[in-house]
Amino acid sequence: MEQAEKLGFKERNVLGFKMGVKQGIDIFFALSSVAYYVSMAFSSLQSQTSSSSSHSSGKIKPKMAYRLLKGSYQAKKENRSMLPKDVFHMKCFLCAGTDSQMYKPVLEKLWGKRPHEIFAGTEPTCIASENWSRNGMYFFPDACFYEFMPIEEAKHFSKDHTYQPRTYLMDEVIPHEEYELVVTVFKGGAFARYMTKDRYRCIATHDSEDHIQLPRFTYVDRSLDIIDIAGFTRISEKTIEDVIKMSKLDIIEWVALKEYDDFRPYMHLIIEMSESSICQDAVLKKILKEHLQIYFTYFDSDYEDLQTMLGIDPLKITVVRCHTFHLYHQLHNEKLPKMNPSKHHIQDLLALSQAKRGEASCI
């Protein structure tokens, strides 16, 4: 512990994994995004371990030396890089965090064992876990009293806090419906009917195969007014407004949504510049991205960790032509939500920008 406390997050992961290669790993518990990063870096870490004789990592055990040789032979035979599953035979593989549903299939291929997902939060504590089938989570009955608010009710309440949203109990949820979780913590304190800002989808109300008469859920994401990237950073509308204001860029309209590149999450920022900010498209995007990333890092130190630790580029920028947002408002008689508008709304917005692009275009 004394050594770990002196190291940064990335250094701790690297050293811990080196120790695992030399001594073995029985249990692996991590954020899904971190587990993926470590897994993909396995080959380079393994080569560093082979050539290292660090006292802190300890001497390699004969059992692990045999597995490394066997794994290396198998990888060469199949003309691929060595994978964690070639070396480790874990008793337990646990994961948690946002985007686990995207990472779990890849992690299973890398480790040869499907991760067992749990869910925990600062306010409600550890409240849900998958069972032996690893096909959806069940809520622990002794941690909190649970209520489930349909997403449409949550949207209505976010626009009008005088509105009394409807919530449903455990025996009232409907399969395939999405809910925002509301908890009352049994141990007391301030968290009574507390909106956790976490979204779940009900998979089924029972499991006939495992003989469980309880609803099971899959974790979807944070609420629509927050963009959570890989469990590291949570970006709100106010954060983006503050970043744009401090950057002094001539951005007059914007919307932000969470998207995925294969399965890696990122924030897609769609912006409209003032007519005085005319310049070449590629140059403009590069300038905007460099400016905004500086200020996102200033407001949220975890934002930088996405790049340095996980190799995730968390920001993609699309610039639409001038007056696109105004035209959208006229056609649809409504303004777009700033955070996570629907895919159909974004499709319509981008179509308006591309139509007659040669006329009155900023770029």
Protein backbone atom coordinates (compact mmCIF):
# COMPACT_ATOMS: atom_id res chain seq x y z
CA MET A 1 0.00 0.00 0.00
CA GLU A 2 2.84 2.41 0.82
CA GLN A 3 4.29 1.91 -2.65
CA ALA A 4 0.90 2.12 -4.37
CA GLU A 5 0.05 5.44 -2.72
CA LYS A 6 3.19 7.01 -4.22
CA LEU A 7 2.24 5.97 -7.76
CA GLY A 8 -0.24 7.47 -10.19
CA PHE A 9 -3.28 5.55 -11.40
CA LYS A 10 -1.60 4.37 -14.61
CA GLU A 11 1.63 3.35 -12.84
CA ARG A 12 -0.32 1.33 -10.26
CA ASN A 13 -2.12 -0.59 -13.00
CA VAL A 14 1.08 -1.32 -14.90
CA LEU A 15 2.98 -2.50 -11.81
CA GLY A 16 0.04 -4.56 -10.55
CA PHE A 17 -0.26 -6.30 -13.89
CA LYS A 18 3.48 -7.04 -13.98
CA MET A 19 3.13 -8.62 -10.53
CA GLY A 20 0.20 -10.64 -11.84
CA VAL A 21 2.24 -11.97 -14.74
CA LYS A 22 4.94 -13.15 -12.34
CA GLN A 23 2.79 -14.45 -9.49
CA GLY A 24 -0.62 -15.18 -11.04
CA ILE A 25 -4.04 -13.55 -10.80
CA ASP A 26 -7.00 -15.19 -9.06
CA ILE A 27 -9.43 -12.25 -8.97
CA PHE A 28 -9.61 -9.25 -11.30
CA PHE A 29 -12.02 -6.40 -10.48
CA ALA A 30 -11.94 -3.15 -12.45
CA LEU A 31 -13.93 -0.56 -14.32
CA SER A 32 -14.76 -2.16 -17.66
CA SER A 33 -12.90 0.57 -19.56
CA VAL A 34 -9.77 0.09 -17.43
CA ALA A 35 -9.97 -3.70 -17.78
CA TYR A 36 -10.07 -3.27 -21.56
CA TYR A 37 -7.08 -0.89 -21.57
CA VAL A 38 -4.98 -3.25 -19.43
CA SER A 39 -6.02 -6.24 -21.53
CA MET A 40 -5.04 -4.56 -24.80
CA ALA A 41 -1.69 -3.55 -23.31
CA PHE A 42 -1.01 -7.13 -22.19
CA SER A 43 1.55 -7.96 -24.89
CA SER A 44 3.75 -4.93 -24.17
CA LEU A 45 3.44 -5.40 -20.42
CA GLN A 46 4.36 -9.06 -20.73
CA SER A 47 7.50 -8.26 -22.72
CA GLN A 48 8.50 -5.63 -20.14
CA THR A 49 7.97 -8.19 -17.37
CA SER A 50 10.08 -10.81 -19.11
CA SER A 51 13.03 -8.44 -19.36
CA SER A 52 12.52 -6.89 -15.91
CA SER A 53 13.97 -8.07 -12.66
CA SER A 54 12.30 -5.48 -10.42
CA HIS A 55 12.43 -6.49 -6.78
CA SER A 56 8.98 -4.98 -6.19
CA SER A 57 7.42 -7.30 -8.72
CA GLY A 58 8.99 -10.41 -7.19
CA LYS A 59 10.42 -13.47 -8.91
CA ILE A 60 8.33 -15.30 -11.47
CA LYS A 61 6.73 -18.50 -10.20
CA PRO A 62 7.42 -21.75 -12.10
CA LYS A 63 3.70 -22.18 -12.79
CA MET A 64 3.52 -18.74 -14.42
CA ALA A 65 6.74 -19.32 -16.38
CA TYR A 66 5.21 -22.50 -17.82
CA ARG A 67 1.97 -20.66 -18.73
CA LEU A 68 3.91 -17.86 -20.40
CA LEU A 69 5.89 -20.30 -22.52
CA LYS A 70 2.80 -22.29 -23.41
CA GLY A 71 0.82 -19.12 -24.20
CA SER A 72 3.63 -17.75 -26.35
CA TYR A 73 3.80 -21.01 -28.30
CA GLN A 74 0.02 -21.05 -28.83
CA ALA A 75 -0.02 -17.44 -30.00
CA LYS A 76 2.79 -18.03 -32.51
CA LYS A 77 1.07 -21.16 -33.73
CA GLU A 78 -2.13 -19.19 -34.40
CA ASN A 79 -0.15 -16.18 -35.77
CA ARG A 80 -1.54 -13.68 -33.23
CA SER A 81 -0.44 -11.72 -30.19
CA MET A 82 -0.55 -13.40 -26.83
CA LEU A 83 -3.79 -12.75 -24.94
CA PRO A 84 -4.52 -12.74 -21.20
CA LYS A 85 -6.52 -15.98 -21.56
CA ASP A 86 -3.32 -17.74 -22.67
CA VAL A 87 -1.74 -17.05 -19.28
CA PHE A 88 -4.38 -16.50 -16.60
CA HIS A 89 -7.02 -18.90 -15.28
CA MET A 90 -8.99 -16.64 -12.95
CA LYS A 91 -11.48 -17.77 -10.35
CA CYS A 92 -13.42 -14.49 -10.54
CA PHE A 93 -13.62 -11.69 -13.09
CA LEU A 94 -15.67 -8.67 -11.92
CA CYS A 95 -16.46 -5.47 -13.78
CA ALA A 96 -18.48 -2.33 -13.12
CA GLY A 97 -19.05 1.12 -14.52
CA THR A 98 -20.63 2.87 -17.48
CA ASP A 99 -20.45 1.19 -20.90
CA SER A 100 -19.91 -2.29 -19.45
CA GLN A 101 -22.38 -3.74 -21.96
CA MET A 102 -20.12 -2.53 -24.77
CA TYR A 103 -16.88 -3.82 -23.24
CA LYS A 104 -18.00 -7.19 -21.83
CA PRO A 105 -18.08 -9.19 -25.12
CA VAL A 106 -14.55 -8.02 -26.00
CA LEU A 107 -13.26 -8.74 -22.50
CA GLU A 108 -14.68 -12.25 -22.71
CA LYS A 109 -12.72 -12.90 -25.91
CA LEU A 110 -9.51 -11.55 -24.36
CA TRP A 111 -9.76 -13.39 -21.04
CA GLY A 112 -11.75 -16.47 -21.99
CA LYS A 113 -14.15 -15.72 -19.15
CA ARG A 114 -17.24 -13.51 -19.24
CA PRO A 115 -17.02 -10.68 -16.68
CA HIS A 116 -19.48 -10.74 -13.80
CA GLU A 117 -21.08 -7.28 -13.62
CA ILE A 118 -22.07 -5.50 -10.44
CA PHE A 119 -23.37 -1.98 -9.80
CA ALA A 120 -22.51 0.38 -6.96
CA GLY A 121 -22.82 4.08 -6.33
CA THR A 122 -21.62 6.52 -3.70
CA GLU A 123 -25.13 7.20 -2.39
CA PRO A 124 -26.91 3.81 -2.63
CA THR A 125 -23.75 1.64 -2.04
CA CYS A 126 -23.50 -1.74 -3.80
CA ILE A 127 -27.05 -2.50 -4.91
CA ALA A 128 -27.05 -4.97 -7.82
CA SER A 129 -25.27 -7.99 -9.22
CA GLU A 130 -25.58 -10.55 -11.97
CA ASN A 131 -26.11 -14.19 -10.99
CA TRP A 132 -24.31 -17.29 -12.31
CA SER A 133 -25.90 -16.88 -15.77
CA ARG A 134 -24.40 -13.37 -16.19
CA ASN A 135 -27.43 -12.16 -18.11
CA GLY A 136 -28.72 -9.12 -16.26
CA MET A 137 -28.50 -7.77 -12.72
CA TYR A 138 -30.77 -8.25 -9.72
CA PHE A 139 -31.18 -5.59 -7.02
CA PHE A 140 -30.25 -6.49 -3.45
CA PRO A 141 -33.42 -6.20 -1.31
CA ASP A 142 -31.65 -5.15 1.91
CA ALA A 143 -29.74 -2.09 0.64
CA CYS A 144 -32.42 0.34 -0.56
CA PHE A 145 -36.10 0.76 -1.34
CA TYR A 146 -36.29 1.03 -5.12
CA GLU A 147 -38.61 3.03 -7.34
CA PHE A 148 -38.46 3.13 -11.13
CA MET A 149 -39.24 6.35 -13.00
CA PRO A 150 -40.02 5.95 -16.73
CA ILE A 151 -37.68 7.99 -18.91
CA GLU A 152 -40.49 10.15 -20.28
CA GLU A 153 -41.48 11.05 -16.71
CA ALA A 154 -37.86 11.91 -15.92
CA LYS A 155 -37.65 14.14 -19.02
CA HIS A 156 -40.84 15.96 -18.00
CA PHE A 157 -39.56 16.46 -14.46
CA SER A 158 -36.18 17.80 -15.67
CA LYS A 159 -38.03 20.54 -17.62
CA ASP A 160 -40.54 21.32 -14.86
CA HIS A 161 -39.59 20.61 -11.23
CA THR A 162 -43.14 21.38 -10.09
CA TYR A 163 -44.31 18.30 -11.98
CA GLN A 164 -44.92 15.21 -9.82
CA PRO A 165 -43.38 12.30 -11.77
CA ARG A 166 -44.91 8.83 -11.59
CA THR A 167 -42.74 6.01 -10.25
CA TYR A 168 -43.31 2.25 -10.25
CA LEU A 169 -42.31 -0.49 -7.84
CA MET A 170 -40.39 -3.70 -8.46
CA ASP A 171 -43.52 -5.72 -9.28
CA GLU A 172 -44.79 -3.04 -11.72
CA VAL A 173 -41.87 -2.71 -14.13
CA ILE A 174 -42.40 -3.71 -17.77
CA PRO A 175 -39.90 -5.72 -19.84
CA HIS A 176 -37.84 -3.71 -22.37
CA GLU A 177 -38.83 -0.41 -20.76
CA GLU A 178 -36.18 2.05 -19.57
CA TYR A 179 -36.25 3.65 -16.12
CA GLU A 180 -34.31 6.13 -14.02
CA LEU A 181 -33.64 4.66 -10.60
CA VAL A 182 -34.97 6.35 -7.45
CA VAL A 183 -33.73 5.03 -4.09
CA THR A 184 -34.40 5.44 -0.41
CA VAL A 185 -31.40 4.18 1.55
CA PHE A 186 -32.43 1.88 4.40
CA LYS A 187 -29.58 3.04 6.63
CA GLY A 188 -31.09 6.51 6.78
CA GLY A 189 -29.54 9.86 5.99
CA ALA A 190 -30.46 12.38 3.31
CA PHE A 191 -31.11 9.94 0.48
CA ALA A 192 -34.87 9.54 0.63
CA ARG A 193 -36.54 9.24 -2.80
CA TYR A 194 -33.21 10.24 -4.32
CA MET A 195 -32.87 10.30 -8.12
CA THR A 196 -29.57 8.52 -8.78
CA LYS A 197 -29.28 9.76 -12.40
CA ASP A 198 -28.74 6.15 -13.49
CA ARG A 199 -30.79 4.52 -16.24
CA TYR A 200 -31.71 0.82 -16.32
CA ARG A 201 -33.62 -1.30 -18.81
CA CYS A 202 -35.78 -4.13 -17.56
CA ILE A 203 -34.80 -7.31 -19.43
CA ALA A 204 -37.51 -9.57 -18.00
CA THR A 205 -39.72 -9.84 -14.95
CA HIS A 206 -38.63 -13.41 -14.21
CA ASP A 207 -36.16 -16.06 -15.33
CA SER A 208 -37.76 -19.44 -15.90
CA GLU A 209 -34.43 -21.07 -16.74
CA ASP A 210 -32.82 -20.15 -13.40
CA HIS A 211 -36.17 -20.31 -11.54
CA ILE A 212 -35.90 -16.71 -10.29
CA GLN A 213 -39.15 -14.77 -9.87
CA LEU A 214 -37.55 -11.34 -9.77
CA PRO A 215 -37.10 -8.71 -12.50
CA ARG A 216 -33.59 -8.36 -13.89
CA PHE A 217 -32.05 -5.27 -15.39
CA THR A 218 -29.19 -4.10 -17.53
CA TYR A 219 -27.44 -0.82 -16.81
CA VAL A 220 -27.91 1.63 -19.71
CA ASP A 221 -26.09 4.85 -18.83
CA ARG A 222 -26.29 8.01 -16.79
CA SER A 223 -29.34 10.24 -17.24
CA LEU A 224 -29.77 12.06 -20.53
CA ASP A 225 -28.56 15.42 -19.15
CA ILE A 226 -25.11 13.95 -18.39
CA ILE A 227 -22.48 12.51 -20.74
CA ASP A 228 -20.44 9.87 -18.93
CA ILE A 229 -17.35 8.68 -20.81
CA ALA A 230 -16.03 5.26 -19.72
CA GLY A 231 -16.87 5.93 -16.06
CA PHE A 232 -14.13 8.59 -15.83
CA THR A 233 -15.70 11.93 -16.59
CA ARG A 234 -19.26 13.23 -16.34
CA ILE A 235 -19.96 16.24 -18.51
CA SER A 236 -23.04 18.39 -17.92
CA GLU A 237 -24.64 21.21 -19.90
CA LYS A 238 -23.15 23.75 -17.46
CA THR A 239 -19.66 22.33 -17.97
CA ILE A 240 -19.92 22.74 -21.75
CA GLU A 241 -21.35 26.26 -21.39
CA ASP A 242 -18.50 27.23 -19.06
CA VAL A 243 -15.90 25.74 -21.43
CA ILE A 244 -17.30 27.62 -24.44
CA LYS A 245 -17.52 30.86 -22.48
CA MET A 246 -13.95 30.63 -21.20
CA SER A 247 -12.57 29.63 -24.61
CA LYS A 248 -13.99 32.85 -26.14
CA LEU A 249 -14.74 30.97 -29.37
CA ASP A 250 -17.53 32.34 -31.57
CA ILE A 251 -19.85 29.39 -30.98
CA ILE A 252 -23.45 30.56 -31.13
CA GLU A 253 -25.32 27.22 -31.00
CA TRP A 254 -24.40 23.69 -29.91
CA VAL A 255 -25.70 20.28 -28.91
CA ALA A 256 -23.77 17.38 -27.39
CA LEU A 257 -24.45 13.66 -27.44
CA LYS A 258 -22.69 10.46 -26.49
CA GLU A 259 -21.75 8.14 -29.33
CA TYR A 260 -19.53 5.10 -29.86
CA ASP A 261 -16.62 4.34 -32.18
CA ASP A 262 -16.98 0.57 -32.44
CA PHE A 263 -17.55 0.26 -28.69
CA ARG A 264 -15.41 3.10 -27.32
CA PRO A 265 -17.50 6.05 -26.12
CA TYR A 266 -16.89 9.69 -27.01
CA MET A 267 -18.70 13.03 -26.87
CA HIS A 268 -19.94 14.35 -30.22
CA LEU A 269 -20.21 18.14 -30.09
CA ILE A 270 -22.20 19.67 -32.96
CA ILE A 271 -21.68 23.43 -33.18
CA GLU A 272 -22.58 26.44 -35.27
CA MET A 273 -20.11 29.30 -35.55
CA SER A 274 -20.80 32.97 -36.19
CA GLU A 275 -20.51 34.21 -39.77
CA SER A 276 -17.35 36.14 -38.85
CA SER A 277 -15.54 32.86 -38.06
CA ILE A 278 -15.20 31.72 -41.66
CA CYS A 279 -12.16 29.57 -42.38
CA GLN A 280 -11.26 26.23 -43.89
CA ASP A 281 -13.29 23.34 -42.46
CA ALA A 282 -10.36 21.13 -41.44
CA VAL A 283 -8.44 24.06 -39.89
CA LEU A 284 -11.52 25.23 -37.99
CA LYS A 285 -12.19 21.78 -36.52
CA LYS A 286 -8.56 21.40 -35.44
CA ILE A 287 -8.52 24.82 -33.76
CA LEU A 288 -11.84 24.18 -32.03
CA LYS A 289 -10.78 20.77 -30.77
CA GLU A 290 -7.45 22.01 -29.41
CA HIS A 291 -9.12 24.95 -27.64
CA LEU A 292 -12.00 23.00 -26.17
CA GLN A 293 -9.86 20.09 -24.95
CA ILE A 294 -7.66 22.52 -23.02
CA TYR A 295 -10.64 23.95 -21.19
CA PHE A 296 -12.39 20.60 -20.65
CA THR A 297 -9.18 19.43 -18.96
CA TYR A 298 -9.19 22.60 -16.85
CA PHE A 299 -12.74 22.02 -15.66
CA ASP A 300 -12.45 18.24 -15.29
CA SER A 301 -9.06 16.67 -14.52
CA ASP A 302 -10.45 13.20 -15.30
CA TYR A 303 -11.04 14.29 -18.92
CA GLU A 304 -7.30 14.20 -19.63
CA ASP A 305 -7.03 10.71 -18.10
CA LEU A 306 -9.23 9.33 -20.89
CA GLN A 307 -6.44 10.05 -23.36
CA THR A 308 -3.36 9.43 -21.24
CA MET A 309 -4.57 6.27 -19.48
CA LEU A 310 -7.16 4.67 -21.73
CA GLY A 311 -6.15 5.93 -25.16
CA ILE A 312 -9.67 7.29 -25.76
CA ASP A 313 -10.13 10.46 -27.79
CA PRO A 314 -13.20 11.77 -25.96
CA LEU A 315 -14.17 14.60 -28.32
CA LYS A 316 -15.46 14.70 -31.88
CA ILE A 317 -16.58 17.99 -33.43
CA THR A 318 -18.98 18.59 -36.30
CA VAL A 319 -19.48 22.15 -37.58
CA VAL A 320 -22.80 22.87 -39.30
CA ARG A 321 -23.33 25.78 -41.67
CA CYS A 322 -24.69 29.10 -40.44
CA HIS A 323 -28.41 29.39 -39.60
CA THR A 324 -28.87 25.59 -39.45
CA PHE A 325 -30.16 25.66 -35.86
CA HIS A 326 -32.48 28.57 -36.64
CA LEU A 327 -33.85 26.73 -39.67
CA TYR A 328 -34.39 23.61 -37.56
CA HIS A 329 -36.32 25.65 -34.97
CA GLN A 330 -38.53 27.10 -37.71
CA LEU A 331 -39.27 23.74 -39.34
CA HIS A 332 -39.92 21.81 -36.12
CA ASN A 333 -41.29 24.64 -33.98
CA GLU A 334 -39.07 23.55 -31.10
CA LYS A 335 -35.51 23.86 -29.86
CA LEU A 336 -33.21 20.88 -29.65
CA PRO A 337 -32.26 19.66 -26.17
CA LYS A 338 -28.66 20.65 -25.50
CA MET A 339 -27.73 17.24 -24.09
CA ASN A 340 -28.28 13.90 -25.82
CA PRO A 341 -31.04 14.78 -28.31
CA SER A 342 -32.48 11.79 -30.15
CA LYS A 343 -30.70 10.32 -33.16
CA HIS A 344 -33.63 11.34 -35.38
CA HIS A 345 -33.28 15.00 -34.29
CA ILE A 346 -29.54 14.93 -35.04
CA GLN A 347 -30.17 13.29 -38.41
CA ASP A 348 -32.60 16.08 -39.32
CA LEU A 349 -30.18 18.77 -38.14
CA LEU A 350 -27.26 17.42 -40.17
CA ALA A 351 -29.49 16.96 -43.23
CA LEU A 352 -30.44 20.66 -43.05
CA SER A 353 -26.77 21.62 -42.85
CA GLN A 354 -25.85 19.54 -45.91
CA ALA A 355 -28.81 20.67 -48.02
CA LYS A 356 -27.88 23.47 -50.42
CA ARG A 357 -24.51 23.65 -48.72
CA GLY A 358 -23.19 26.00 -51.38
CA GLU A 359 -25.72 28.69 -50.42
CA ALA A 360 -25.05 30.89 -47.39
CA SER A 361 -22.48 28.47 -46.08
CA CYS A 362 -19.92 29.49 -43.47
CA ILE A 363 -17.36 26.91 -44.49
